[in-house]
Protein backbone atom coordinates (compact mmCIF):
# COMPACT_ATOMS: atom_id res chain seq x y z
CA MET A 1 31.72 -49.77 -49.31
CA LEU A 2 35.06 -48.91 -47.93
CA ASP A 3 38.29 -50.96 -48.12
CA ALA A 4 40.37 -51.23 -44.54
CA SER A 5 43.55 -49.86 -46.30
CA THR A 6 42.00 -46.50 -47.21
CA ASP A 7 41.58 -43.41 -45.29
CA CYS A 8 38.47 -43.12 -43.01
CA SER A 9 35.43 -41.52 -44.41
CA ALA A 10 34.86 -37.60 -44.30
CA ALA A 11 31.83 -38.63 -42.38
CA ALA A 12 33.65 -40.43 -39.53
CA LEU A 13 36.36 -37.71 -39.25
CA SER A 14 33.54 -35.18 -38.90
CA TRP A 15 31.69 -37.23 -36.29
CA LEU A 16 34.86 -37.59 -34.35
CA ALA A 17 35.58 -33.99 -34.18
CA THR A 18 32.11 -33.18 -33.16
CA LEU A 19 32.14 -36.01 -30.38
CA ILE A 20 35.34 -34.93 -28.85
CA ALA A 21 34.17 -31.49 -28.54
CA PHE A 22 31.77 -32.51 -26.03
CA PRO A 23 33.67 -32.60 -22.64
CA THR A 24 31.69 -35.67 -21.25
CA ILE A 25 34.06 -36.41 -18.40
CA SER A 26 32.61 -39.39 -16.22
CA GLY A 27 30.61 -38.64 -13.35
CA SER A 28 30.81 -34.77 -13.57
CA SER A 29 29.72 -33.71 -17.17
CA SER A 30 26.55 -34.30 -18.94
CA ASN A 31 26.57 -36.21 -22.15
CA LEU A 32 22.86 -35.26 -23.34
CA ASP A 33 23.92 -32.61 -25.95
CA LEU A 34 25.90 -35.26 -27.36
CA LEU A 35 23.09 -37.75 -27.54
CA ARG A 36 20.65 -35.27 -28.69
CA LEU A 37 22.93 -34.72 -31.72
CA ALA A 38 23.07 -38.63 -32.28
CA GLU A 39 19.57 -39.27 -31.76
CA GLN A 40 18.71 -36.57 -34.78
CA ALA A 41 20.95 -38.48 -37.20
CA LEU A 42 19.69 -41.70 -36.16
CA ARG A 43 16.12 -40.71 -36.27
CA ALA A 44 16.67 -39.34 -39.72
CA ARG A 45 17.45 -42.78 -40.93
CA GLY A 46 14.27 -44.31 -39.34
CA PHE A 47 15.57 -45.36 -35.90
CA ALA A 48 13.41 -45.81 -32.80
CA VAL A 49 15.13 -44.07 -29.98
CA ARG A 50 14.81 -44.49 -26.10
CA TYR A 51 16.48 -43.01 -23.16
CA THR A 52 17.44 -44.35 -19.70
CA TYR A 53 18.60 -41.55 -17.32
CA SER A 54 20.98 -41.18 -14.42
CA PRO A 55 19.34 -40.68 -10.94
CA ASP A 56 20.29 -36.59 -11.25
CA GLY A 57 18.94 -36.50 -14.84
CA LYS A 58 22.23 -34.98 -16.08
CA ARG A 59 23.37 -38.17 -18.07
CA ALA A 60 21.75 -40.86 -19.94
CA ASN A 61 21.89 -44.01 -22.15
CA LEU A 62 20.69 -43.73 -25.86
CA TYR A 63 19.25 -46.88 -27.34
CA ALA A 64 18.20 -47.05 -30.97
CA SER A 65 16.73 -49.64 -33.03
CA HIS A 66 15.99 -50.23 -36.77
CA GLY A 67 14.30 -53.29 -38.12
CA GLY A 68 12.78 -54.47 -35.04
CA ALA A 69 13.18 -54.86 -31.10
CA THR A 70 14.48 -58.41 -31.18
CA GLY A 71 17.27 -60.15 -32.88
CA GLY A 72 20.00 -58.47 -34.85
CA ILE A 73 23.47 -57.00 -33.84
CA LEU A 74 23.92 -54.33 -30.88
CA LEU A 75 26.57 -51.91 -31.73
CA SER A 76 27.52 -50.40 -28.28
CA GLY A 77 29.99 -47.85 -26.77
CA HIS A 78 30.30 -45.36 -24.01
CA THR A 79 30.04 -41.61 -24.35
CA ASP A 80 32.30 -40.78 -21.27
CA VAL A 81 35.92 -40.09 -20.94
CA VAL A 82 38.49 -39.74 -18.33
CA PRO A 83 39.47 -36.56 -17.07
CA VAL A 84 42.45 -34.37 -18.47
CA ALA A 85 43.26 -32.47 -15.42
CA GLY A 86 46.73 -33.05 -14.26
CA GLN A 87 47.87 -34.55 -17.56
CA ASP A 88 50.61 -32.74 -19.75
CA TRP A 89 48.67 -32.30 -23.04
CA SER A 90 50.70 -30.58 -26.21
CA ARG A 91 47.33 -29.78 -28.09
CA PRO A 92 43.89 -28.73 -27.27
CA SER A 93 42.21 -32.04 -25.28
CA PHE A 94 38.83 -31.42 -26.45
CA THR A 95 39.61 -30.29 -30.21
CA LEU A 96 40.15 -32.72 -32.82
CA THR A 97 43.80 -32.41 -34.12
CA GLU A 98 45.06 -33.86 -37.08
CA ASP A 99 48.55 -34.69 -37.49
CA GLY A 100 49.16 -37.09 -40.55
CA GLU A 101 47.75 -40.73 -39.53
CA ARG A 102 47.16 -39.59 -36.12
CA LEU A 103 43.76 -37.95 -34.87
CA TYR A 104 44.30 -36.41 -31.38
CA GLY A 105 41.80 -35.74 -28.74
CA ARG A 106 40.55 -37.00 -25.35
CA GLY A 107 38.36 -39.92 -26.41
CA ALA A 108 39.87 -40.17 -29.78
CA CYS A 109 40.94 -43.77 -28.75
CA ASP A 110 38.49 -44.49 -25.79
CA MET A 111 36.06 -44.74 -27.39
CA LYS A 112 34.39 -41.70 -29.42
CA GLY A 113 36.32 -43.13 -32.46
CA PHE A 114 34.27 -46.38 -32.49
CA LEU A 115 31.04 -44.05 -31.91
CA ALA A 116 32.16 -41.86 -34.78
CA CYS A 117 32.23 -45.13 -37.08
CA VAL A 118 28.99 -46.28 -36.07
CA LEU A 119 27.20 -42.93 -36.87
CA ALA A 120 28.89 -42.57 -40.15
CA VAL A 121 28.26 -46.17 -41.30
CA LEU A 122 24.65 -46.01 -40.25
CA GLN A 123 24.15 -42.75 -42.30
CA ARG A 124 25.19 -43.96 -45.47
CA ILE A 125 24.49 -47.64 -45.83
CA ASP A 126 21.26 -48.81 -47.49
CA LEU A 127 18.96 -50.05 -44.33
CA ALA A 128 16.58 -51.49 -46.65
CA ALA A 129 19.04 -54.07 -47.61
CA LEU A 130 19.65 -55.34 -43.95
CA ARG A 131 18.50 -58.82 -43.30
CA GLN A 132 18.21 -58.13 -39.66
CA PRO A 133 17.72 -55.48 -37.03
CA VAL A 134 20.64 -53.21 -36.05
CA HIS A 135 20.69 -51.68 -32.78
CA VAL A 136 22.98 -48.92 -31.18
CA ALA A 137 23.83 -48.21 -27.48
CA PHE A 138 25.57 -44.98 -26.39
CA THR A 139 26.05 -45.36 -22.38
CA TYR A 140 27.35 -43.23 -19.80
CA ASP A 141 29.73 -43.49 -16.86
CA GLU A 142 31.63 -46.50 -18.02
CA GLU A 143 34.87 -45.33 -16.83
CA ILE A 144 33.79 -45.29 -13.27
CA GLY A 145 32.36 -48.74 -12.83
CA CYS A 146 29.95 -49.27 -16.09
CA VAL A 147 27.50 -47.56 -14.25
CA GLY A 148 25.06 -46.24 -17.01
CA VAL A 149 24.79 -49.47 -18.82
CA ARG A 150 23.21 -51.33 -15.96
CA GLY A 151 20.03 -49.41 -16.17
CA LEU A 152 20.05 -49.77 -19.90
CA ILE A 153 20.12 -53.49 -19.57
CA LYS A 154 17.49 -53.48 -17.08
CA ASP A 155 15.19 -51.22 -19.20
CA LEU A 156 15.80 -53.35 -22.24
CA ALA A 157 14.76 -56.62 -20.24
CA GLU A 158 11.56 -54.87 -19.08
CA ALA A 159 10.77 -53.79 -22.45
CA GLY A 160 11.23 -57.06 -24.09
CA ILE A 161 14.09 -55.66 -26.34
CA ARG A 162 16.60 -58.59 -27.03
CA PRO A 163 19.31 -58.19 -29.95
CA ALA A 164 20.75 -61.42 -30.84
CA ALA A 165 24.45 -60.44 -30.57
CA CYS A 166 26.44 -57.64 -29.26
CA ILE A 167 29.72 -55.87 -30.40
CA VAL A 168 31.33 -53.41 -27.70
CA GLY A 169 33.47 -51.03 -29.77
CA GLU A 170 36.23 -50.82 -27.23
CA PRO A 171 40.05 -50.38 -28.62
CA THR A 172 41.40 -53.63 -29.52
CA ARG A 173 42.96 -52.62 -32.80
CA MET A 174 40.21 -54.27 -34.53
CA ALA A 175 40.99 -57.66 -33.15
CA VAL A 176 38.12 -59.91 -32.03
CA ILE A 177 38.31 -60.40 -28.33
CA ARG A 178 36.11 -62.89 -26.59
CA ALA A 179 37.36 -62.96 -23.05
CA HIS A 180 38.55 -60.30 -20.46
CA LYS A 181 39.00 -60.35 -16.68
CA GLY A 182 36.39 -59.00 -14.33
CA ARG A 183 36.79 -56.56 -11.67
CA GLN A 184 35.74 -55.73 -8.11
CA ALA A 185 36.79 -52.46 -6.27
CA TRP A 186 36.64 -52.37 -2.48
CA ARG A 187 37.05 -49.62 0.25
CA CYS A 188 38.24 -50.68 3.62
CA CYS A 189 37.49 -48.32 6.67
CA VAL A 190 39.20 -48.92 10.06
CA GLN A 191 37.72 -47.25 13.14
CA GLY A 192 39.95 -47.25 16.24
CA ARG A 193 40.45 -44.88 19.21
CA ALA A 194 42.63 -41.90 19.30
CA ALA A 195 45.22 -41.41 21.69
CA HIS A 196 48.53 -39.17 22.45
CA SER A 197 51.30 -40.84 20.74
CA SER A 198 53.27 -41.03 24.19
CA LEU A 199 50.19 -43.17 25.71
CA SER A 200 49.86 -45.57 22.57
CA GLY A 201 48.80 -48.23 24.69
CA THR A 202 45.65 -46.17 25.86
CA GLY A 203 44.59 -46.16 21.88
CA VAL A 204 43.41 -48.28 19.16
CA ASN A 205 45.78 -47.81 16.43
CA ALA A 206 43.45 -47.72 13.07
CA ALA A 207 46.69 -47.15 10.71
CA GLU A 208 48.48 -50.26 12.19
CA THR A 209 45.39 -52.47 11.97
CA ALA A 210 44.91 -51.31 8.21
CA CYS A 211 48.46 -51.88 7.60
CA GLU A 212 47.97 -55.55 8.88
CA LEU A 213 44.98 -56.14 6.64
CA VAL A 214 47.21 -54.60 3.67
CA ALA A 215 49.67 -57.33 4.27
CA ASP A 216 47.05 -59.95 4.19
CA ILE A 217 45.76 -58.60 0.87
CA ALA A 218 49.30 -58.78 -0.41
CA ARG A 219 49.75 -62.55 0.68
CA GLN A 220 46.20 -63.50 -0.84
CA ALA A 221 47.51 -61.68 -4.01
CA ARG A 222 50.49 -64.16 -4.18
CA GLN A 223 47.97 -67.23 -3.64
CA LEU A 224 45.97 -66.15 -6.40
CA GLN A 225 49.05 -66.31 -8.51
CA ARG A 226 49.38 -70.01 -7.88
CA ASP A 227 45.92 -70.87 -7.76
CA GLU A 228 44.83 -70.44 -11.20
CA VAL A 229 46.56 -69.69 -14.29
CA ASP A 230 45.35 -68.84 -18.02
CA GLU A 231 48.06 -68.20 -20.22
CA ASN A 232 45.74 -66.46 -22.82
CA PHE A 233 46.13 -63.24 -20.71
CA LEU A 234 49.36 -61.20 -20.74
CA VAL A 235 49.13 -61.33 -16.69
CA PRO A 236 48.12 -65.03 -16.55
CA TYR A 237 46.19 -65.00 -13.06
CA SER A 238 44.06 -63.10 -10.86
CA THR A 239 45.39 -59.98 -9.00
CA MET A 240 44.81 -58.00 -5.94
CA ALA A 241 46.32 -54.86 -5.14
CA VAL A 242 46.28 -52.07 -2.59
CA CYS A 243 46.02 -49.07 -4.72
CA ARG A 244 45.29 -46.06 -2.10
CA VAL A 245 45.92 -45.74 1.69
CA HIS A 246 45.04 -42.83 4.01
CA GLY A 247 44.99 -42.49 7.79
CA GLY A 248 45.97 -40.51 10.66
CA THR A 249 46.09 -36.67 11.50
CA ALA A 250 49.42 -35.80 13.13
CA THR A 251 52.71 -37.62 14.03
CA ASN A 252 51.99 -37.38 17.77
CA VAL A 253 48.33 -38.68 17.66
CA ILE A 254 47.42 -42.49 17.53
CA PRO A 255 45.05 -42.56 14.50
CA GLU A 256 41.42 -43.16 15.03
CA ALA A 257 40.68 -43.88 11.59
CA ALA A 258 42.09 -45.32 8.46
CA GLU A 259 41.26 -46.35 5.03
CA PHE A 260 42.46 -47.89 1.85
CA ASP A 261 41.28 -49.05 -1.29
CA PHE A 262 41.97 -52.26 -3.31
CA ASP A 263 41.40 -53.77 -6.54
CA LEU A 264 40.81 -57.32 -7.61
CA ARG A 265 40.99 -58.20 -11.27
CA PHE A 266 39.91 -61.81 -11.69
CA LEU A 267 40.08 -64.48 -14.50
CA PRO A 268 36.90 -65.55 -16.00
CA SER A 269 37.66 -68.92 -14.33
CA THR A 270 37.97 -67.47 -10.85
CA ASP A 271 35.11 -66.96 -8.29
CA PRO A 272 35.52 -63.61 -7.09
CA GLU A 273 33.94 -64.29 -3.90
CA ARG A 274 36.04 -67.12 -3.01
CA ALA A 275 39.06 -65.11 -3.76
CA LEU A 276 37.98 -62.40 -1.54
CA ALA A 277 36.77 -64.76 1.38
CA PRO A 278 40.22 -64.85 3.30
CA VAL A 279 40.34 -61.00 3.22
CA HIS A 280 36.88 -60.96 4.88
CA GLU A 281 37.76 -63.68 7.27
CA ARG A 282 40.84 -61.67 8.23
CA ALA A 283 39.20 -58.43 8.70
CA ALA A 284 36.54 -60.10 11.08
CA ALA A 285 39.56 -61.55 13.06
CA LEU A 286 41.17 -58.30 13.31
CA GLN A 287 37.93 -56.33 14.36
CA ALA A 288 37.45 -58.92 17.14
CA GLY A 289 41.07 -58.08 18.57
CA MET A 290 40.14 -54.41 18.06
CA ARG A 291 36.95 -54.69 20.21
CA ASP A 292 38.90 -56.47 23.29
CA ARG A 293 40.14 -52.82 23.71
CA GLU A 294 37.58 -50.71 21.98
CA PRO A 295 33.72 -51.80 22.03
CA GLU A 296 33.04 -49.18 19.18
CA ALA A 297 36.01 -50.43 17.08
CA ARG A 298 35.23 -51.68 13.71
CA ILE A 299 36.47 -52.62 10.32
CA THR A 300 34.00 -52.16 7.19
CA LEU A 301 34.51 -53.38 3.74
CA GLU A 302 32.40 -51.83 1.13
CA ARG A 303 32.38 -52.86 -2.41
CA ARG A 304 32.22 -49.80 -4.87
CA THR A 305 32.36 -51.55 -8.28
CA ALA A 306 31.91 -54.91 -9.54
CA VAL A 307 32.07 -55.73 -13.26
CA PRO A 308 31.80 -59.29 -14.38
CA ALA A 309 34.27 -61.03 -16.75
CA LEU A 310 33.78 -61.77 -20.17
CA THR A 311 33.84 -65.65 -20.98
CA ALA A 312 34.43 -67.12 -24.50
CA ARG A 313 31.23 -69.06 -25.19
CA PRO A 314 29.95 -71.09 -28.08
CA ASP A 315 27.07 -68.90 -28.67
CA GLU A 316 29.45 -66.30 -29.74
CA ASP A 317 30.82 -68.24 -32.60
CA ARG A 318 28.52 -66.79 -35.59
CA LEU A 319 29.32 -63.34 -34.58
CA VAL A 320 33.03 -64.06 -34.33
CA GLN A 321 32.88 -65.64 -37.65
CA ALA A 322 30.97 -62.82 -39.27
CA LEU A 323 33.58 -60.51 -37.92
CA PHE A 324 36.41 -62.45 -39.30
CA ALA A 325 34.67 -62.69 -42.61
CA ALA A 326 34.05 -58.82 -42.54
CA GLY A 327 37.91 -58.47 -42.16
CA ALA A 328 38.33 -58.24 -38.28
CA ALA A 329 41.74 -59.35 -36.89
CA GLY A 330 42.10 -62.60 -34.77
CA GLY A 331 42.38 -61.77 -31.35
CA SER A 332 42.77 -63.52 -27.72
CA HIS A 333 41.89 -62.14 -24.12
CA VAL A 334 42.45 -58.65 -22.56
CA ALA A 335 43.08 -57.66 -18.96
CA PHE A 336 40.88 -54.62 -19.25
CA THR A 337 37.20 -54.89 -18.14
CA THR A 338 34.29 -53.71 -20.49
CA GLU A 339 30.37 -53.42 -20.43
CA GLY A 340 30.47 -56.62 -22.31
CA GLY A 341 30.89 -58.69 -19.17
CA LEU A 342 27.28 -56.97 -18.20
CA TYR A 343 25.65 -57.85 -21.49
CA GLN A 344 26.92 -61.36 -21.43
CA ALA A 345 25.48 -61.72 -18.06
CA ALA A 346 22.21 -60.55 -19.42
CA GLY A 347 22.47 -63.29 -21.88
CA ILE A 348 23.50 -61.37 -25.01
CA PRO A 349 26.19 -63.25 -26.78
CA THR A 350 29.04 -60.36 -26.82
CA VAL A 351 32.55 -59.80 -28.33
CA ILE A 352 34.95 -56.63 -28.03
CA CYS A 353 36.05 -55.31 -31.32
CA GLY A 354 37.03 -51.71 -32.01
CA PRO A 355 39.43 -49.12 -33.53
CA GLY A 356 42.47 -47.85 -31.62
CA ASP A 357 45.16 -49.25 -29.21
CA ILE A 358 44.28 -49.48 -25.49
CA ALA A 359 47.75 -48.35 -24.81
CA GLN A 360 46.78 -44.78 -26.05
CA ALA A 361 43.42 -44.65 -23.87
CA HIS A 362 43.44 -42.30 -20.83
CA THR A 363 46.76 -40.85 -21.91
CA ALA A 364 48.07 -37.21 -22.57
CA ASP A 365 47.80 -36.55 -26.30
CA GLU A 366 45.46 -39.41 -26.94
CA PHE A 367 45.09 -40.43 -30.40
CA VAL A 368 43.61 -42.99 -33.01
CA LEU A 369 44.87 -43.99 -36.14
CA ARG A 370 42.93 -42.96 -39.52
CA SER A 371 43.58 -46.57 -40.92
CA GLN A 372 41.76 -47.78 -37.65
CA LEU A 373 38.75 -45.81 -38.22
CA ALA A 374 38.96 -47.06 -42.08
CA ALA A 375 39.03 -50.58 -40.88
CA CYS A 376 36.33 -50.25 -38.38
CA GLU A 377 34.06 -48.55 -40.85
CA SER A 378 34.62 -51.40 -43.34
CA VAL A 379 34.18 -54.22 -40.95
CA LEU A 380 30.85 -52.68 -39.47
CA GLU A 381 29.53 -51.94 -42.97
CA ARG A 382 30.17 -55.67 -44.20
CA VAL A 383 28.93 -57.12 -40.98
CA LEU A 384 25.60 -55.38 -41.11
CA LEU A 385 25.08 -56.05 -44.80
CA ALA A 386 25.96 -59.68 -44.80
């Protein structure tokens, strides 16, 4: 058994190098070769393996079980990584580079370091000594809305597979996280009527209407700051922010169309539909005003991503205590979202605990510390063999 103060195992380091070499960019790159390699290692240890595929068949979730389909602990992580285009890397992004304590490469922190630890630990421990089943989930397209895990959860429910608890290994510096904010991402499209800018009164300005709704969203964001506060979060209230705006074709044309994207990050105690209600009401009122001048004018609001919050619940206490006993650090709440909220919504008690610092995720020269991988290996081994 590894001690958390030692270096990571050679197996974990080898797996990390192998996993980083697969450029599994969200939404565009296949992860099937990566999964087949993991499948070989898991089947060699007696795991039963099943897949659920993306609609185009190019990406998939891998789910593996040892010791039975129900009960036990699920170790879950995503295989996809964010793009490197436009980032100023000083070293190869898809080749593991070792520099003292730091291990560099896209996904080293978020979250192939955890996947490497899972595979290394499961290859070496005495599986016959386990008192409960162990499950592994490697998912796809988490970074673009937790896309893959939804099909996985549906498949598990239909197959009657139900682990007793889940550890999602997102980077928390091996602290146990019991709650995080939820997220909804929306796109607003405004359709008006074009006109020459010298005859602006004959057009219906989609850009100006979009700006009015943007201002309303900013007002609602300020209201959310006053509605609910949870000091366990670094940003202790729900937030709403406009993140992208586009409209118009030329300076002498009244814009016929405009669109913008906005993002809601909500506390576990916040009802997202209630938080969004004023935005929908204002959009309906603005649309009615536009249609007084142009019957075909419209405002559409499209929800593009919805990930539930993770809430601290008593049914996770046993798992939390097991992690603490195994050497995991005490934690609190985080603002970022994970697949954990979806597992919890499916009735599986879930916590977040994994190697690496979220501050390194998605950055140029992303890295994870060797000591973080060592700590992860130690904790996983102790929890599984407890």
